[in-house]
Amino acid sequence: MYPPELVKPMKEDLTSVGFSELLNAEQVDNAIQNSKGTVLVVVNSVCGCAAGNMRPGVKLSVTGDSVPDSMTTVFAGVDGEAVAQARKHFLPYPPSSPSVALFKDGKLVHFLERHHIEGGTAEMIANNLSAAYKEFC
């Protein structure tokens, strides 16, 4: 577990633009299973690719015309229960931090694993997610 003061700015990087934190399994299930429309679930982390590519790319992706109905986030290494529950919804994909999942009416329709994130740019991630939003949102 990381100290709260270390991850606070990393969490705020997403919550400051409208993402809701999911802190436990019940919140994750409610956000995904009980949803109508689209839900974006971002697994945030302390790694460099989250800071340099994933968070900027995700933020850029939600500035267009097509965006998810709900935007949520869990933090790997901090919100253990929430991350574990979110990963159950990501199956068959293996655990990956950071990662980004898009659900429509409770079903996983698009997923970015770490290997899609760490070698890309923020713009590539934004373009990938924006294309998914156009298809599903």
N, C-alpha and C. Protein backbone atom coordinates (compact mmCIF):
# COMPACT_ATOMS: atom_id res chain seq x y z
N MET A 1 0.84 -1.19 0.00
CA MET A 1 0.00 0.00 0.00
C MET A 1 0.88 1.25 0.00
N TYR A 2 0.46 2.20 -0.79
CA TYR A 2 1.19 3.46 -0.87
C TYR A 2 0.60 4.46 0.13
N PRO A 3 1.42 5.36 0.64
CA PRO A 3 0.91 6.37 1.57
C PRO A 3 -0.10 7.29 0.87
N PRO A 4 -1.18 7.65 1.58
CA PRO A 4 -2.21 8.51 0.98
C PRO A 4 -1.67 9.82 0.41
N GLU A 5 -0.69 10.41 1.10
CA GLU A 5 -0.15 11.69 0.62
C GLU A 5 0.61 11.54 -0.70
N LEU A 6 1.12 10.35 -0.97
CA LEU A 6 1.82 10.09 -2.22
C LEU A 6 0.84 10.00 -3.39
N VAL A 7 -0.26 9.29 -3.19
CA VAL A 7 -1.19 9.03 -4.29
C VAL A 7 -2.26 10.10 -4.46
N LYS A 8 -2.41 10.98 -3.48
CA LYS A 8 -3.47 12.00 -3.56
C LYS A 8 -3.43 12.79 -4.87
N PRO A 9 -2.28 13.33 -5.28
CA PRO A 9 -2.28 14.09 -6.53
C PRO A 9 -2.56 13.21 -7.76
N MET A 10 -2.18 11.94 -7.69
CA MET A 10 -2.43 11.02 -8.81
C MET A 10 -3.92 10.69 -8.91
N LYS A 11 -4.57 10.57 -7.77
CA LYS A 11 -6.02 10.36 -7.76
C LYS A 11 -6.72 11.62 -8.27
N GLU A 12 -6.28 12.77 -7.77
CA GLU A 12 -6.91 14.03 -8.14
C GLU A 12 -6.73 14.37 -9.62
N ASP A 13 -5.72 13.80 -10.24
CA ASP A 13 -5.52 14.00 -11.67
C ASP A 13 -6.76 13.57 -12.45
N LEU A 14 -7.45 12.54 -11.97
CA LEU A 14 -8.68 12.07 -12.63
C LEU A 14 -9.93 12.62 -11.95
N THR A 15 -9.97 12.65 -10.63
CA THR A 15 -11.19 13.12 -9.96
C THR A 15 -11.45 14.60 -10.25
N SER A 16 -10.41 15.36 -10.51
CA SER A 16 -10.58 16.80 -10.79
C SER A 16 -11.26 17.05 -12.14
N VAL A 17 -11.33 16.03 -12.99
CA VAL A 17 -12.02 16.20 -14.28
C VAL A 17 -13.29 15.35 -14.36
N GLY A 18 -13.82 14.96 -13.19
CA GLY A 18 -15.12 14.33 -13.17
C GLY A 18 -15.18 12.84 -12.92
N PHE A 19 -14.05 12.19 -12.66
CA PHE A 19 -14.06 10.77 -12.36
C PHE A 19 -14.46 10.56 -10.90
N SER A 20 -15.25 9.52 -10.65
CA SER A 20 -15.64 9.15 -9.30
C SER A 20 -14.75 8.01 -8.82
N GLU A 21 -14.29 8.12 -7.58
CA GLU A 21 -13.49 7.05 -7.00
C GLU A 21 -14.39 5.92 -6.53
N LEU A 22 -14.00 4.71 -6.84
CA LEU A 22 -14.65 3.52 -6.31
C LEU A 22 -13.69 2.92 -5.30
N LEU A 23 -14.13 2.80 -4.05
CA LEU A 23 -13.21 2.45 -2.98
C LEU A 23 -13.42 1.05 -2.41
N ASN A 24 -14.52 0.39 -2.79
CA ASN A 24 -14.76 -0.96 -2.28
C ASN A 24 -15.52 -1.78 -3.32
N ALA A 25 -15.66 -3.08 -3.04
CA ALA A 25 -16.28 -4.00 -3.99
C ALA A 25 -17.73 -3.63 -4.29
N GLU A 26 -18.47 -3.22 -3.29
CA GLU A 26 -19.88 -2.86 -3.49
C GLU A 26 -20.01 -1.68 -4.46
N GLN A 27 -19.17 -0.67 -4.29
CA GLN A 27 -19.21 0.48 -5.20
C GLN A 27 -18.88 0.07 -6.63
N VAL A 28 -17.91 -0.82 -6.80
CA VAL A 28 -17.54 -1.30 -8.13
C VAL A 28 -18.72 -2.03 -8.76
N ASP A 29 -19.31 -2.97 -8.03
CA ASP A 29 -20.44 -3.72 -8.57
C ASP A 29 -21.61 -2.81 -8.91
N ASN A 30 -21.91 -1.85 -8.04
CA ASN A 30 -23.00 -0.92 -8.32
C ASN A 30 -22.73 -0.09 -9.57
N ALA A 31 -21.50 0.35 -9.73
CA ALA A 31 -21.16 1.17 -10.89
C ALA A 31 -21.24 0.40 -12.19
N ILE A 32 -20.86 -0.87 -12.17
CA ILE A 32 -20.80 -1.66 -13.40
C ILE A 32 -22.09 -2.44 -13.64
N GLN A 33 -22.49 -3.24 -12.69
CA GLN A 33 -23.62 -4.14 -12.89
C GLN A 33 -24.95 -3.41 -12.99
N ASN A 34 -25.11 -2.35 -12.25
CA ASN A 34 -26.40 -1.65 -12.22
C ASN A 34 -26.44 -0.48 -13.19
N SER A 35 -25.53 -0.45 -14.13
CA SER A 35 -25.45 0.70 -15.02
C SER A 35 -26.29 0.50 -16.29
N LYS A 36 -26.83 1.59 -16.73
CA LYS A 36 -27.45 1.67 -18.06
C LYS A 36 -26.58 2.64 -18.83
N GLY A 37 -26.24 2.30 -20.03
CA GLY A 37 -25.34 3.15 -20.80
C GLY A 37 -23.91 2.71 -20.60
N THR A 38 -22.99 3.66 -20.69
CA THR A 38 -21.57 3.33 -20.67
C THR A 38 -20.88 3.81 -19.40
N VAL A 39 -19.93 3.00 -18.95
CA VAL A 39 -19.14 3.30 -17.76
C VAL A 39 -17.67 3.06 -18.10
N LEU A 40 -16.85 4.06 -17.86
CA LEU A 40 -15.42 3.94 -18.01
C LEU A 40 -14.83 3.64 -16.64
N VAL A 41 -13.99 2.60 -16.56
CA VAL A 41 -13.32 2.25 -15.31
C VAL A 41 -11.82 2.31 -15.57
N VAL A 42 -11.15 3.22 -14.89
CA VAL A 42 -9.70 3.39 -15.05
C VAL A 42 -9.01 2.82 -13.82
N VAL A 43 -8.08 1.88 -14.05
CA VAL A 43 -7.23 1.39 -12.97
C VAL A 43 -5.99 2.27 -12.98
N ASN A 44 -5.94 3.18 -12.05
CA ASN A 44 -4.86 4.14 -11.92
C ASN A 44 -3.70 3.48 -11.17
N SER A 45 -2.50 4.01 -11.35
CA SER A 45 -1.35 3.48 -10.62
C SER A 45 -0.26 4.53 -10.50
N VAL A 46 0.77 4.20 -9.71
CA VAL A 46 1.87 5.13 -9.48
C VAL A 46 2.94 5.06 -10.57
N CYS A 47 2.83 4.13 -11.49
CA CYS A 47 3.90 3.93 -12.47
C CYS A 47 4.03 5.11 -13.44
N GLY A 48 5.15 5.19 -14.06
CA GLY A 48 5.42 6.27 -14.99
C GLY A 48 4.52 6.27 -16.20
N CYS A 49 4.13 5.09 -16.68
CA CYS A 49 3.26 5.07 -17.87
C CYS A 49 1.86 5.55 -17.52
N ALA A 50 1.44 5.44 -16.27
CA ALA A 50 0.14 6.00 -15.86
C ALA A 50 0.23 7.53 -15.87
N ALA A 51 1.33 8.04 -15.35
CA ALA A 51 1.50 9.50 -15.27
C ALA A 51 1.76 10.12 -16.63
N GLY A 52 2.60 9.49 -17.43
CA GLY A 52 3.01 10.09 -18.70
C GLY A 52 2.09 9.83 -19.85
N ASN A 53 1.39 8.68 -19.83
CA ASN A 53 0.58 8.29 -20.98
C ASN A 53 -0.89 8.09 -20.65
N MET A 54 -1.16 7.26 -19.65
CA MET A 54 -2.54 6.85 -19.40
C MET A 54 -3.41 7.99 -18.91
N ARG A 55 -3.06 8.64 -17.80
CA ARG A 55 -3.93 9.70 -17.29
C ARG A 55 -4.09 10.85 -18.28
N PRO A 56 -3.02 11.34 -18.90
CA PRO A 56 -3.23 12.39 -19.90
C PRO A 56 -4.08 11.91 -21.09
N GLY A 57 -3.89 10.67 -21.52
CA GLY A 57 -4.67 10.14 -22.63
C GLY A 57 -6.14 9.99 -22.29
N VAL A 58 -6.41 9.47 -21.11
CA VAL A 58 -7.80 9.31 -20.66
C VAL A 58 -8.47 10.68 -20.55
N LYS A 59 -7.78 11.64 -19.96
CA LYS A 59 -8.37 12.98 -19.82
C LYS A 59 -8.65 13.60 -21.18
N LEU A 60 -7.74 13.44 -22.11
CA LEU A 60 -7.94 13.96 -23.46
C LEU A 60 -9.11 13.27 -24.14
N SER A 61 -9.28 11.99 -23.89
CA SER A 61 -10.34 11.22 -24.56
C SER A 61 -11.74 11.65 -24.15
N VAL A 62 -11.89 12.25 -22.99
CA VAL A 62 -13.24 12.63 -22.53
C VAL A 62 -13.56 14.09 -22.81
N THR A 63 -12.84 14.69 -23.75
CA THR A 63 -13.12 16.07 -24.12
C THR A 63 -13.89 16.17 -25.43
N GLY A 64 -14.17 15.05 -26.08
CA GLY A 64 -14.84 15.07 -27.37
C GLY A 64 -16.36 15.05 -27.24
N ASP A 65 -17.01 14.84 -28.37
CA ASP A 65 -18.47 14.83 -28.41
C ASP A 65 -19.06 13.54 -27.83
N SER A 66 -18.43 12.41 -28.10
CA SER A 66 -18.89 11.13 -27.57
C SER A 66 -18.05 10.79 -26.35
N VAL A 67 -18.71 10.68 -25.21
CA VAL A 67 -18.02 10.34 -23.96
C VAL A 67 -18.87 9.35 -23.17
N PRO A 68 -18.26 8.61 -22.26
CA PRO A 68 -19.02 7.68 -21.43
C PRO A 68 -20.03 8.40 -20.55
N ASP A 69 -21.09 7.69 -20.22
CA ASP A 69 -22.11 8.26 -19.32
C ASP A 69 -21.57 8.44 -17.91
N SER A 70 -20.67 7.56 -17.51
CA SER A 70 -20.10 7.60 -16.17
C SER A 70 -18.60 7.32 -16.26
N MET A 71 -17.81 8.03 -15.46
CA MET A 71 -16.36 7.84 -15.44
C MET A 71 -15.93 7.54 -14.01
N THR A 72 -15.26 6.40 -13.83
CA THR A 72 -14.88 5.96 -12.50
C THR A 72 -13.41 5.55 -12.48
N THR A 73 -12.86 5.44 -11.27
CA THR A 73 -11.48 5.03 -11.15
C THR A 73 -11.25 4.27 -9.85
N VAL A 74 -10.34 3.31 -9.92
CA VAL A 74 -9.82 2.58 -8.75
C VAL A 74 -8.31 2.73 -8.79
N PHE A 75 -7.65 2.60 -7.65
CA PHE A 75 -6.21 2.83 -7.61
C PHE A 75 -5.48 1.57 -7.15
N ALA A 76 -4.68 1.00 -8.05
CA ALA A 76 -3.91 -0.21 -7.74
C ALA A 76 -2.90 0.08 -6.64
N GLY A 77 -2.77 -0.83 -5.70
CA GLY A 77 -1.83 -0.65 -4.61
C GLY A 77 -2.37 0.20 -3.49
N VAL A 78 -3.60 0.68 -3.62
CA VAL A 78 -4.22 1.52 -2.59
C VAL A 78 -5.61 0.99 -2.26
N ASP A 79 -6.47 0.94 -3.25
CA ASP A 79 -7.86 0.51 -3.07
C ASP A 79 -7.97 -0.96 -3.45
N GLY A 80 -7.30 -1.82 -2.67
CA GLY A 80 -7.16 -3.23 -3.01
C GLY A 80 -8.47 -3.96 -3.25
N GLU A 81 -9.45 -3.76 -2.39
CA GLU A 81 -10.74 -4.45 -2.54
C GLU A 81 -11.43 -4.01 -3.83
N ALA A 82 -11.43 -2.73 -4.10
CA ALA A 82 -12.08 -2.20 -5.30
C ALA A 82 -11.38 -2.69 -6.57
N VAL A 83 -10.05 -2.68 -6.56
CA VAL A 83 -9.29 -3.13 -7.73
C VAL A 83 -9.54 -4.62 -7.97
N ALA A 84 -9.52 -5.42 -6.93
CA ALA A 84 -9.76 -6.86 -7.08
C ALA A 84 -11.15 -7.12 -7.66
N GLN A 85 -12.14 -6.38 -7.21
CA GLN A 85 -13.50 -6.58 -7.71
C GLN A 85 -13.61 -6.10 -9.16
N ALA A 86 -12.99 -4.97 -9.48
CA ALA A 86 -13.02 -4.49 -10.86
C ALA A 86 -12.39 -5.51 -11.79
N ARG A 87 -11.29 -6.10 -11.36
CA ARG A 87 -10.60 -7.09 -12.20
C ARG A 87 -11.46 -8.32 -12.47
N LYS A 88 -12.37 -8.65 -11.58
CA LYS A 88 -13.30 -9.75 -11.84
C LYS A 88 -14.20 -9.41 -13.03
N HIS A 89 -14.55 -8.15 -13.16
CA HIS A 89 -15.39 -7.70 -14.27
C HIS A 89 -14.60 -7.60 -15.58
N PHE A 90 -13.26 -7.55 -15.47
CA PHE A 90 -12.41 -7.42 -16.66
C PHE A 90 -12.09 -8.77 -17.32
N LEU A 91 -12.45 -9.87 -16.67
CA LEU A 91 -12.14 -11.18 -17.25
C LEU A 91 -12.73 -11.29 -18.65
N PRO A 92 -12.00 -11.89 -19.57
CA PRO A 92 -10.88 -12.80 -19.43
C PRO A 92 -9.51 -12.12 -19.42
N TYR A 93 -9.46 -10.80 -19.36
CA TYR A 93 -8.17 -10.12 -19.35
C TYR A 93 -7.47 -10.33 -18.01
N PRO A 94 -6.16 -10.54 -18.03
CA PRO A 94 -5.42 -10.72 -16.77
C PRO A 94 -5.26 -9.38 -16.05
N PRO A 95 -4.93 -9.42 -14.76
CA PRO A 95 -4.70 -8.18 -14.01
C PRO A 95 -3.64 -7.32 -14.69
N SER A 96 -3.92 -6.03 -14.75
CA SER A 96 -3.03 -5.11 -15.44
C SER A 96 -3.19 -3.73 -14.82
N SER A 97 -2.06 -3.11 -14.48
CA SER A 97 -2.09 -1.76 -13.94
C SER A 97 -1.01 -0.95 -14.63
N PRO A 98 -1.36 0.16 -15.22
CA PRO A 98 -2.71 0.69 -15.34
C PRO A 98 -3.49 -0.05 -16.43
N SER A 99 -4.79 0.19 -16.44
CA SER A 99 -5.64 -0.33 -17.50
C SER A 99 -6.90 0.51 -17.58
N VAL A 100 -7.63 0.35 -18.68
CA VAL A 100 -8.85 1.13 -18.89
C VAL A 100 -9.90 0.21 -19.48
N ALA A 101 -11.08 0.20 -18.87
CA ALA A 101 -12.18 -0.66 -19.34
C ALA A 101 -13.40 0.20 -19.65
N LEU A 102 -14.08 -0.15 -20.73
CA LEU A 102 -15.34 0.50 -21.08
C LEU A 102 -16.43 -0.56 -21.05
N PHE A 103 -17.48 -0.28 -20.29
CA PHE A 103 -18.63 -1.17 -20.18
C PHE A 103 -19.84 -0.50 -20.81
N LYS A 104 -20.68 -1.31 -21.43
CA LYS A 104 -21.97 -0.82 -21.92
C LYS A 104 -23.05 -1.74 -21.36
N ASP A 105 -23.98 -1.16 -20.63
CA ASP A 105 -25.06 -1.91 -19.99
C ASP A 105 -24.51 -3.10 -19.20
N GLY A 106 -23.40 -2.87 -18.49
CA GLY A 106 -22.82 -3.88 -17.62
C GLY A 106 -21.92 -4.89 -18.29
N LYS A 107 -21.73 -4.78 -19.61
CA LYS A 107 -20.88 -5.73 -20.33
C LYS A 107 -19.60 -5.04 -20.80
N LEU A 108 -18.48 -5.72 -20.62
CA LEU A 108 -17.19 -5.20 -21.06
C LEU A 108 -17.16 -5.17 -22.58
N VAL A 109 -16.92 -3.97 -23.16
CA VAL A 109 -16.90 -3.84 -24.62
C VAL A 109 -15.56 -3.38 -25.17
N HIS A 110 -14.68 -2.85 -24.32
CA HIS A 110 -13.38 -2.36 -24.78
C HIS A 110 -12.43 -2.36 -23.59
N PHE A 111 -11.15 -2.75 -23.85
CA PHE A 111 -10.20 -2.84 -22.76
C PHE A 111 -8.80 -2.51 -23.24
N LEU A 112 -8.12 -1.66 -22.51
CA LEU A 112 -6.71 -1.35 -22.75
C LEU A 112 -5.89 -1.92 -21.60
N GLU A 113 -4.99 -2.82 -21.95
CA GLU A 113 -4.08 -3.39 -20.95
C GLU A 113 -2.81 -2.54 -20.86
N ARG A 114 -2.01 -2.82 -19.86
CA ARG A 114 -0.76 -2.08 -19.66
C ARG A 114 0.09 -2.06 -20.92
N HIS A 115 0.18 -3.19 -21.62
CA HIS A 115 1.05 -3.24 -22.80
C HIS A 115 0.52 -2.35 -23.93
N HIS A 116 -0.75 -1.97 -23.90
CA HIS A 116 -1.29 -1.01 -24.86
C HIS A 116 -0.94 0.42 -24.45
N ILE A 117 -0.66 0.61 -23.18
CA ILE A 117 -0.45 1.94 -22.60
C ILE A 117 1.02 2.32 -22.55
N GLU A 118 1.87 1.41 -22.05
CA GLU A 118 3.25 1.79 -21.75
C GLU A 118 4.09 2.14 -22.97
N GLY A 119 3.77 1.64 -24.13
CA GLY A 119 4.56 1.98 -25.31
C GLY A 119 3.96 3.08 -26.16
N GLY A 120 2.77 3.54 -25.77
CA GLY A 120 2.07 4.54 -26.58
C GLY A 120 2.23 5.94 -26.04
N THR A 121 1.59 6.85 -26.73
CA THR A 121 1.56 8.24 -26.29
C THR A 121 0.17 8.54 -25.75
N ALA A 122 0.05 9.66 -25.07
CA ALA A 122 -1.27 10.09 -24.58
C ALA A 122 -2.24 10.23 -25.74
N GLU A 123 -1.77 10.75 -26.86
CA GLU A 123 -2.63 10.95 -28.03
C GLU A 123 -3.11 9.62 -28.60
N MET A 124 -2.23 8.63 -28.63
CA MET A 124 -2.63 7.31 -29.12
C MET A 124 -3.70 6.69 -28.22
N ILE A 125 -3.53 6.82 -26.92
CA ILE A 125 -4.51 6.30 -25.98
C ILE A 125 -5.83 7.04 -26.14
N ALA A 126 -5.77 8.36 -26.24
CA ALA A 126 -6.98 9.15 -26.43
C ALA A 126 -7.70 8.76 -27.71
N ASN A 127 -6.96 8.58 -28.79
CA ASN A 127 -7.57 8.20 -30.07
C ASN A 127 -8.22 6.82 -29.98
N ASN A 128 -7.55 5.88 -29.33
CA ASN A 128 -8.09 4.54 -29.16
C ASN A 128 -9.41 4.60 -28.37
N LEU A 129 -9.39 5.31 -27.26
CA LEU A 129 -10.60 5.40 -26.44
C LEU A 129 -11.70 6.18 -27.14
N SER A 130 -11.34 7.25 -27.82
CA SER A 130 -12.34 8.05 -28.54
C SER A 130 -13.05 7.22 -29.60
N ALA A 131 -12.32 6.36 -30.27
CA ALA A 131 -12.93 5.47 -31.27
C ALA A 131 -13.92 4.51 -30.59
N ALA A 132 -13.56 4.00 -29.42
CA ALA A 132 -14.47 3.13 -28.67
C ALA A 132 -15.71 3.91 -28.23
N TYR A 133 -15.54 5.15 -27.80
CA TYR A 133 -16.69 5.96 -27.40
C TYR A 133 -17.63 6.18 -28.58
N LYS A 134 -17.07 6.45 -29.74
CA LYS A 134 -17.92 6.66 -30.92
C LYS A 134 -18.72 5.42 -31.26
N GLU A 135 -18.13 4.26 -31.03
CA GLU A 135 -18.82 3.00 -31.32
C GLU A 135 -19.87 2.66 -30.26
N PHE A 136 -19.56 2.90 -28.99
CA PHE A 136 -20.42 2.37 -27.93
C PHE A 136 -21.19 3.41 -27.13
N CYS A 137 -20.77 4.67 -27.17
CA CYS A 137 -21.43 5.70 -26.34
C CYS A 137 -22.53 6.43 -27.10
